[in-house]
Structures are given as structure tokens and as C-alpha cells.
Amino acid sequence: MSNSGIILLVEDNRILAEAVGSYLETRGLDVDYAVDGMEGYRLAQENRYDAIVLDGNMPRMDGLEVVRKLREESRMSTPIIMVTARDTLEDKIRGLELGVDDYLTKPFAAQELEARLRAVIRRNRKQLCGQALRVGDLTYDPASQRATRAGKELHLPRVATQLLQILMRESPRVVTRREIEREIWGDDLPDSDVLRSHLYNLRKGI
């Protein structure tokens, strides 16, 4: 089954992280883990995630500082759900001002977290779908799935078109093979030469 989202779970309580992560994985979500704020910030910069679940009270870097750095320094728009025991209005307002998309107060039900994750992922994907991508003289319109170079339309196979969209969306960041395979094929990973073949078709087509 193809996954329905790639999640970064930043939580220093290993028991809670394992329980929540295992539940989300049974529901078709792919989960990466970080045990402190510094590691979470690093992984968020190195990989592409559909959403981040972030504990507010973290060692090495506080959750709100992670949000600030991701939004202000890295200019990252990935949806963030803050999970915290601090439920005062001031804390929530501060988080929302920094760029938190949603709040969940501990203790919480894993089913509620899943529902909130799917909601923020859905909203974010809808916004991304309407945005034309431009890198140099390349343009890709996700709505029409039409790619052009210097005004000339490109005729690419389906997977090559998906590859082009991923690479343009993430530019100038280097996208790993693992990220590409997970986004296109989910858990049904192809043989090792398949991605290379599609990349060849893309290079030839543009």
C-alpha cells in the first residue's frame, strides 16, 4: 500500500514516541523519529516531510525555538502540530505567531492526532497543488500537469513528470533517493534500476 504521508515525530519520551509512531504506521503513515529539538531541526532540514509533530518541551532545543528557526531561518512551510503539556493561552498564541499550525495538549488520543495530521496535510497539499513551479527556464503547473522549458511544452512519461515536480518543488535542496522512492511508490519500492531509468527519461525529455 502506498503511504499517505511522511511524518517527523520529535518527542523525547521514547515510550510515548514508540506508541504514537507505531499507531500512525499501522494507519498508513511513514514515521521518522527525533529524540530532541536539535535532531528534529536537523532532520527537518535534510528531508521532506508532509507534517511535523513536535513536543513543545524538548532537550537541546525548545520546541518553539525549533518552530522559529524552521519558519524564519529555513523558510520552511511544512505543517507543524505542537504537542505540549503547556496549555495556557499565552503559550498557544506565541506558538501560532511563530508558525505552529495546530495544537494538541497532553495527554491525547492517537486517533485525534491522526485526524489532525490528515487535516493539515490535506490543506497543505491543496495549497501546493495550485502553485506553478519555476526553476530557471523550466515551469511546471501541477493543476494541468503541464511542463514547459523556455516556453516549449515538454512531453514526459508519467513517472518522469512526477520526478520533475519533486525536484523542482524541493530546488535547490538535494533530494535523496529514499525520499523520491517513498513519495512515488510508497512501500512498494521498485527494483534498484527503475528509478535510474526514469531519471534517464527525464533528462532526455528536458
C-alpha atoms as a PDB file:
ATOM      1  CA  MET A   1       0.000   0.000   0.000  1.00  0.00           C
ATOM      2  CA  SER A   2       1.333   3.473  -0.910  1.00  0.00           C
ATOM      3  CA  ASN A   3       1.834   5.645   2.139  1.00  0.00           C
ATOM      4  CA  SER A   4      -0.437   8.637   2.746  1.00  0.00           C
ATOM      5  CA  GLY A   5       2.138  10.877   4.362  1.00  0.00           C
ATOM      6  CA  ILE A   6       5.663  11.086   5.757  1.00  0.00           C
ATOM      7  CA  ILE A   7       5.761  12.377   9.325  1.00  0.00           C
ATOM      8  CA  LEU A   8       8.616  13.614  11.517  1.00  0.00           C
ATOM      9  CA  LEU A   9       7.860  12.858  15.184  1.00  0.00           C
ATOM     10  CA  VAL A  10      10.023  14.903  17.577  1.00  0.00           C
ATOM     11  CA  GLU A  11       9.486  13.547  21.094  1.00  0.00           C
ATOM     12  CA  ASP A  12      11.988  12.873  23.902  1.00  0.00           C
ATOM     13  CA  ASN A  13       9.688  10.417  25.709  1.00  0.00           C
ATOM     14  CA  ARG A  14      10.666   7.201  23.925  1.00  0.00           C
ATOM     15  CA  ILE A  15       7.719   5.169  25.238  1.00  0.00           C
ATOM     16  CA  LEU A  16       5.225   7.778  24.003  1.00  0.00           C
ATOM     17  CA  ALA A  17       7.085   8.190  20.695  1.00  0.00           C
ATOM     18  CA  GLU A  18       7.093   4.437  20.032  1.00  0.00           C
ATOM     19  CA  ALA A  19       3.405   4.085  20.911  1.00  0.00           C
ATOM     20  CA  VAL A  20       2.301   7.034  18.768  1.00  0.00           C
ATOM     21  CA  GLY A  21       4.648   6.163  15.904  1.00  0.00           C
ATOM     22  CA  SER A  22       3.539   2.533  15.812  1.00  0.00           C
ATOM     23  CA  TYR A  23      -0.112   3.575  15.689  1.00  0.00           C
ATOM     24  CA  LEU A  24       0.472   6.055  12.865  1.00  0.00           C
ATOM     25  CA  GLU A  25       2.400   3.455  10.872  1.00  0.00           C
ATOM     26  CA  THR A  26      -0.493   0.994  11.170  1.00  0.00           C
ATOM     27  CA  ARG A  27      -2.668   3.742   9.689  1.00  0.00           C
ATOM     28  CA  GLY A  28      -0.503   4.045   6.569  1.00  0.00           C
ATOM     29  CA  LEU A  29       1.732   6.937   7.620  1.00  0.00           C
ATOM     30  CA  ASP A  30       5.512   6.694   7.385  1.00  0.00           C
ATOM     31  CA  VAL A  31       7.280   7.983  10.529  1.00  0.00           C
ATOM     32  CA  ASP A  32      10.797   9.263  11.209  1.00  0.00           C
ATOM     33  CA  TYR A  33      11.864   9.906  14.815  1.00  0.00           C
ATOM     34  CA  ALA A  34      13.942  12.530  16.620  1.00  0.00           C
ATOM     35  CA  VAL A  35      14.626  12.466  20.363  1.00  0.00           C
ATOM     36  CA  ASP A  36      15.455  16.157  20.894  1.00  0.00           C
ATOM     37  CA  GLY A  37      14.915  19.540  19.316  1.00  0.00           C
ATOM     38  CA  MET A  38      18.345  19.771  17.711  1.00  0.00           C
ATOM     39  CA  GLU A  39      17.970  16.411  15.963  1.00  0.00           C
ATOM     40  CA  GLY A  40      14.435  17.305  14.903  1.00  0.00           C
ATOM     41  CA  TYR A  41      15.620  20.565  13.358  1.00  0.00           C
ATOM     42  CA  ARG A  42      18.419  18.761  11.501  1.00  0.00           C
ATOM     43  CA  LEU A  43      16.121  16.068  10.090  1.00  0.00           C
ATOM     44  CA  ALA A  44      13.522  18.647   9.047  1.00  0.00           C
ATOM     45  CA  GLN A  45      16.183  20.454   7.021  1.00  0.00           C
ATOM     46  CA  GLU A  46      17.643  17.309   5.452  1.00  0.00           C
ATOM     47  CA  ASN A  47      14.391  15.570   4.456  1.00  0.00           C
ATOM     48  CA  ARG A  48      10.977  16.463   3.114  1.00  0.00           C
ATOM     49  CA  TYR A  49       8.024  15.699   5.394  1.00  0.00           C
ATOM     50  CA  ASP A  50       4.292  16.114   4.925  1.00  0.00           C
ATOM     51  CA  ALA A  51       3.964  17.217   8.556  1.00  0.00           C
ATOM     52  CA  ILE A  52       5.962  17.537  11.787  1.00  0.00           C
ATOM     53  CA  VAL A  53       4.681  16.511  15.218  1.00  0.00           C
ATOM     54  CA  LEU A  54       6.750  18.444  17.736  1.00  0.00           C
ATOM     55  CA  ASP A  55       6.875  18.235  21.534  1.00  0.00           C
ATOM     56  CA  GLY A  56       6.954  21.730  22.985  1.00  0.00           C
ATOM     57  CA  ASN A  57       9.304  20.943  25.869  1.00  0.00           C
ATOM     58  CA  MET A  58      12.429  19.364  24.392  1.00  0.00           C
ATOM     59  CA  PRO A  59      16.091  18.959  25.426  1.00  0.00           C
ATOM     60  CA  ARG A  60      18.877  20.713  23.459  1.00  0.00           C
ATOM     61  CA  MET A  61      16.409  22.989  21.634  1.00  0.00           C
ATOM     62  CA  ASP A  62      12.963  24.036  22.841  1.00  0.00           C
ATOM     63  CA  GLY A  63      10.038  23.244  20.565  1.00  0.00           C
ATOM     64  CA  LEU A  64       9.168  26.896  19.985  1.00  0.00           C
ATOM     65  CA  GLU A  65      12.775  27.623  19.030  1.00  0.00           C
ATOM     66  CA  VAL A  66      12.619  24.760  16.507  1.00  0.00           C
ATOM     67  CA  VAL A  67       9.494  26.332  15.007  1.00  0.00           C
ATOM     68  CA  ARG A  68      11.111  29.790  14.889  1.00  0.00           C
ATOM     69  CA  LYS A  69      14.226  28.513  13.122  1.00  0.00           C
ATOM     70  CA  LEU A  70      12.251  26.435  10.618  1.00  0.00           C
ATOM     71  CA  ARG A  71       9.923  29.312   9.726  1.00  0.00           C
ATOM     72  CA  GLU A  72      12.232  32.326   9.910  1.00  0.00           C
ATOM     73  CA  GLU A  73      15.671  30.953   9.035  1.00  0.00           C
ATOM     74  CA  SER A  74      14.883  27.943   6.823  1.00  0.00           C
ATOM     75  CA  ARG A  75      11.688  29.470   5.344  1.00  0.00           C
ATOM     76  CA  MET A  76      10.022  26.077   5.655  1.00  0.00           C
ATOM     77  CA  SER A  77       6.243  25.811   5.265  1.00  0.00           C
ATOM     78  CA  THR A  78       5.832  22.163   6.378  1.00  0.00           C
ATOM     79  CA  PRO A  79       2.744  21.898   8.664  1.00  0.00           C
ATOM     80  CA  ILE A  80       3.654  21.651  12.358  1.00  0.00           C
ATOM     81  CA  ILE A  81       1.468  20.226  15.117  1.00  0.00           C
ATOM     82  CA  MET A  82       2.751  21.171  18.576  1.00  0.00           C
ATOM     83  CA  VAL A  83       2.123  18.581  21.283  1.00  0.00           C
ATOM     84  CA  THR A  84       2.571  20.058  24.739  1.00  0.00           C
ATOM     85  CA  ALA A  85       1.546  19.961  28.377  1.00  0.00           C
ATOM     86  CA  ARG A  86       1.662  23.775  28.397  1.00  0.00           C
ATOM     87  CA  ASP A  87      -1.890  24.750  27.516  1.00  0.00           C
ATOM     88  CA  THR A  88      -2.029  28.397  28.589  1.00  0.00           C
ATOM     89  CA  LEU A  89      -3.473  30.894  26.128  1.00  0.00           C
ATOM     90  CA  GLU A  90      -0.198  32.842  26.075  1.00  0.00           C
ATOM     91  CA  ASP A  91       1.785  29.735  25.075  1.00  0.00           C
ATOM     92  CA  LYS A  92      -0.634  28.935  22.271  1.00  0.00           C
ATOM     93  CA  ILE A  93      -0.679  32.484  20.931  1.00  0.00           C
ATOM     94  CA  ARG A  94       3.129  32.577  20.949  1.00  0.00           C
ATOM     95  CA  GLY A  95       3.283  29.283  19.037  1.00  0.00           C
ATOM     96  CA  LEU A  96       0.707  30.373  16.465  1.00  0.00           C
ATOM     97  CA  GLU A  97       2.555  33.651  15.925  1.00  0.00           C
ATOM     98  CA  LEU A  98       5.764  31.718  15.249  1.00  0.00           C
ATOM     99  CA  GLY A  99       4.065  29.413  12.734  1.00  0.00           C
ATOM    100  CA  VAL A 100       2.524  26.436  14.567  1.00  0.00           C
ATOM    101  CA  ASP A 101      -0.423  25.121  12.520  1.00  0.00           C
ATOM    102  CA  ASP A 102      -2.244  23.209  15.253  1.00  0.00           C
ATOM    103  CA  TYR A 103      -2.005  22.382  18.963  1.00  0.00           C
ATOM    104  CA  LEU A 104      -2.664  19.163  20.853  1.00  0.00           C
ATOM    105  CA  THR A 105      -2.490  19.081  24.649  1.00  0.00           C
ATOM    106  CA  LYS A 106      -1.097  16.057  26.514  1.00  0.00           C
ATOM    107  CA  PRO A 107      -2.486  13.555  27.271  1.00  0.00           C
ATOM    108  CA  PHE A 108      -4.112  12.946  23.897  1.00  0.00           C
ATOM    109  CA  ALA A 109      -5.608  10.090  21.895  1.00  0.00           C
ATOM    110  CA  ALA A 110      -3.538   8.825  18.963  1.00  0.00           C
ATOM    111  CA  GLN A 111      -6.715   8.819  16.870  1.00  0.00           C
ATOM    112  CA  GLU A 112      -7.122  12.574  17.403  1.00  0.00           C
ATOM    113  CA  LEU A 113      -3.501  13.198  16.411  1.00  0.00           C
ATOM    114  CA  GLU A 114      -4.042  11.157  13.244  1.00  0.00           C
ATOM    115  CA  ALA A 115      -7.154  13.169  12.370  1.00  0.00           C
ATOM    116  CA  ARG A 116      -5.342  16.470  12.896  1.00  0.00           C
ATOM    117  CA  LEU A 117      -2.359  15.269  10.844  1.00  0.00           C
ATOM    118  CA  ARG A 118      -4.544  14.288   7.917  1.00  0.00           C
ATOM    119  CA  ALA A 119      -6.324  17.663   8.095  1.00  0.00           C
ATOM    120  CA  VAL A 120      -3.124  19.762   7.980  1.00  0.00           C
ATOM    121  CA  ILE A 121      -1.603  17.536   5.265  1.00  0.00           C
ATOM    122  CA  ARG A 122      -4.762  17.858   3.169  1.00  0.00           C
ATOM    123  CA  ARG A 123      -4.791  21.658   3.499  1.00  0.00           C
ATOM    124  CA  ASN A 124      -1.103  21.947   2.652  1.00  0.00           C
ATOM    125  CA  ARG A 125      -1.347  19.678  -0.406  1.00  0.00           C
ATOM    126  CA  LYS A 126      -4.322  21.657  -1.678  1.00  0.00           C
ATOM    127  CA  GLN A 127      -2.314  24.882  -1.441  1.00  0.00           C
ATOM    128  CA  LEU A 128       0.710  23.334  -3.154  1.00  0.00           C
ATOM    129  CA  CYS A 129      -1.415  21.945  -5.992  1.00  0.00           C
ATOM    130  CA  GLY A 130      -2.396  25.438  -7.061  1.00  0.00           C
ATOM    131  CA  GLN A 131       1.136  26.812  -7.234  1.00  0.00           C
ATOM    132  CA  ALA A 132       3.068  26.775 -10.504  1.00  0.00           C
ATOM    133  CA  LEU A 133       6.727  25.773 -10.040  1.00  0.00           C
ATOM    134  CA  ARG A 134       9.537  27.681 -11.738  1.00  0.00           C
ATOM    135  CA  VAL A 135      13.241  26.830 -11.780  1.00  0.00           C
ATOM    136  CA  GLY A 136      15.328  28.683 -14.367  1.00  0.00           C
ATOM    137  CA  ASP A 137      13.551  28.345 -17.718  1.00  0.00           C
ATOM    138  CA  LEU A 138      11.565  25.305 -16.517  1.00  0.00           C
ATOM    139  CA  THR A 139       7.922  25.712 -15.496  1.00  0.00           C
ATOM    140  CA  TYR A 140       5.540  23.064 -14.158  1.00  0.00           C
ATOM    141  CA  ASP A 141       1.831  23.576 -13.492  1.00  0.00           C
ATOM    142  CA  PRO A 142       0.551  20.892 -11.061  1.00  0.00           C
ATOM    143  CA  ALA A 143      -3.086  21.625 -11.907  1.00  0.00           C
ATOM    144  CA  SER A 144      -2.708  20.825 -15.609  1.00  0.00           C
ATOM    145  CA  GLN A 145       0.404  18.611 -15.145  1.00  0.00           C
ATOM    146  CA  ARG A 146       1.961  20.624 -17.993  1.00  0.00           C
ATOM    147  CA  ALA A 147       5.719  21.199 -18.096  1.00  0.00           C
ATOM    148  CA  THR A 148       7.465  23.709 -20.341  1.00  0.00           C
ATOM    149  CA  ARG A 149      11.045  24.781 -20.956  1.00  0.00           C
ATOM    150  CA  ALA A 150      11.682  28.242 -22.391  1.00  0.00           C
ATOM    151  CA  GLY A 151       8.005  28.291 -23.386  1.00  0.00           C
ATOM    152  CA  LYS A 152       8.143  24.960 -25.243  1.00  0.00           C
ATOM    153  CA  GLU A 153       5.925  22.190 -23.902  1.00  0.00           C
ATOM    154  CA  LEU A 154       7.663  19.024 -22.702  1.00  0.00           C
ATOM    155  CA  HIS A 155       6.109  15.610 -23.296  1.00  0.00           C
ATOM    156  CA  LEU A 156       7.254  13.377 -20.455  1.00  0.00           C
ATOM    157  CA  PRO A 157       6.157   9.934 -19.222  1.00  0.00           C
ATOM    158  CA  ARG A 158       4.049   9.922 -16.041  1.00  0.00           C
ATOM    159  CA  VAL A 159       6.810   8.969 -13.590  1.00  0.00           C
ATOM    160  CA  ALA A 160       9.282  11.376 -15.216  1.00  0.00           C
ATOM    161  CA  THR A 161       6.693  14.120 -14.705  1.00  0.00           C
ATOM    162  CA  GLN A 162       6.382  13.162 -11.027  1.00  0.00           C
ATOM    163  CA  LEU A 163      10.171  13.276 -10.701  1.00  0.00           C
ATOM    164  CA  LEU A 164      10.289  16.712 -12.311  1.00  0.00           C
ATOM    165  CA  GLN A 165       7.657  18.037  -9.903  1.00  0.00           C
ATOM    166  CA  ILE A 166       9.513  16.687  -6.848  1.00  0.00           C
ATOM    167  CA  LEU A 167      12.891  18.043  -7.945  1.00  0.00           C
ATOM    168  CA  MET A 168      11.505  21.474  -8.869  1.00  0.00           C
ATOM    169  CA  ARG A 169       9.470  21.758  -5.678  1.00  0.00           C
ATOM    170  CA  GLU A 170      12.475  20.976  -3.482  1.00  0.00           C
ATOM    171  CA  SER A 171      15.034  23.003  -5.513  1.00  0.00           C
ATOM    172  CA  PRO A 172      17.755  23.950  -4.645  1.00  0.00           C
ATOM    173  CA  ARG A 173      17.814  21.272  -1.912  1.00  0.00           C
ATOM    174  CA  VAL A 174      19.277  17.904  -2.901  1.00  0.00           C
ATOM    175  CA  VAL A 175      16.550  15.238  -2.737  1.00  0.00           C
ATOM    176  CA  THR A 176      17.626  11.776  -1.620  1.00  0.00           C
ATOM    177  CA  ARG A 177      16.807   8.576  -3.491  1.00  0.00           C
ATOM    178  CA  ARG A 178      14.865   7.379  -0.438  1.00  0.00           C
ATOM    179  CA  GLU A 179      12.639  10.475  -0.429  1.00  0.00           C
ATOM    180  CA  ILE A 180      11.867  10.150  -4.137  1.00  0.00           C
ATOM    181  CA  GLU A 181      11.048   6.442  -3.905  1.00  0.00           C
ATOM    182  CA  ARG A 182       8.841   6.914  -0.840  1.00  0.00           C
ATOM    183  CA  GLU A 183       6.852   9.728  -2.462  1.00  0.00           C
ATOM    184  CA  ILE A 184       6.279   7.992  -5.797  1.00  0.00           C
ATOM    185  CA  TRP A 185       5.953   4.327  -4.790  1.00  0.00           C
ATOM    186  CA  GLY A 186       5.331   4.382  -1.033  1.00  0.00           C
ATOM    187  CA  ASP A 187       6.038   0.968   0.481  1.00  0.00           C
ATOM    188  CA  ASP A 188       6.009  -0.793  -2.915  1.00  0.00           C
ATOM    189  CA  LEU A 189       9.622   0.050  -3.734  1.00  0.00           C
ATOM    190  CA  PRO A 190      10.799  -0.777  -7.264  1.00  0.00           C
ATOM    191  CA  ASP A 191      13.960  -2.604  -8.326  1.00  0.00           C
ATOM    192  CA  SER A 192      17.156  -0.601  -7.956  1.00  0.00           C
ATOM    193  CA  ASP A 193      17.431   0.204 -11.687  1.00  0.00           C
ATOM    194  CA  VAL A 194      13.867   1.503 -12.081  1.00  0.00           C
ATOM    195  CA  LEU A 195      14.476   4.970 -10.621  1.00  0.00           C
ATOM    196  CA  ARG A 196      17.668   5.321 -12.670  1.00  0.00           C
ATOM    197  CA  SER A 197      15.693   4.534 -15.822  1.00  0.00           C
ATOM    198  CA  HIS A 198      13.043   7.148 -15.025  1.00  0.00           C
ATOM    199  CA  LEU A 199      15.713   9.753 -14.266  1.00  0.00           C
ATOM    200  CA  TYR A 200      17.266   8.995 -17.668  1.00  0.00           C
ATOM    201  CA  ASN A 201      13.878   9.546 -19.331  1.00  0.00           C
ATOM    202  CA  LEU A 202      13.526  12.854 -17.504  1.00  0.00           C
ATOM    203  CA  ARG A 203      16.984  14.091 -18.524  1.00  0.00           C
ATOM    204  CA  LYS A 204      16.306  13.065 -22.122  1.00  0.00           C
ATOM    205  CA  GLY A 205      12.920  14.757 -22.134  1.00  0.00           C
ATOM    206  CA  ILE A 206      14.070  18.145 -20.872  1.00  0.00           C
END
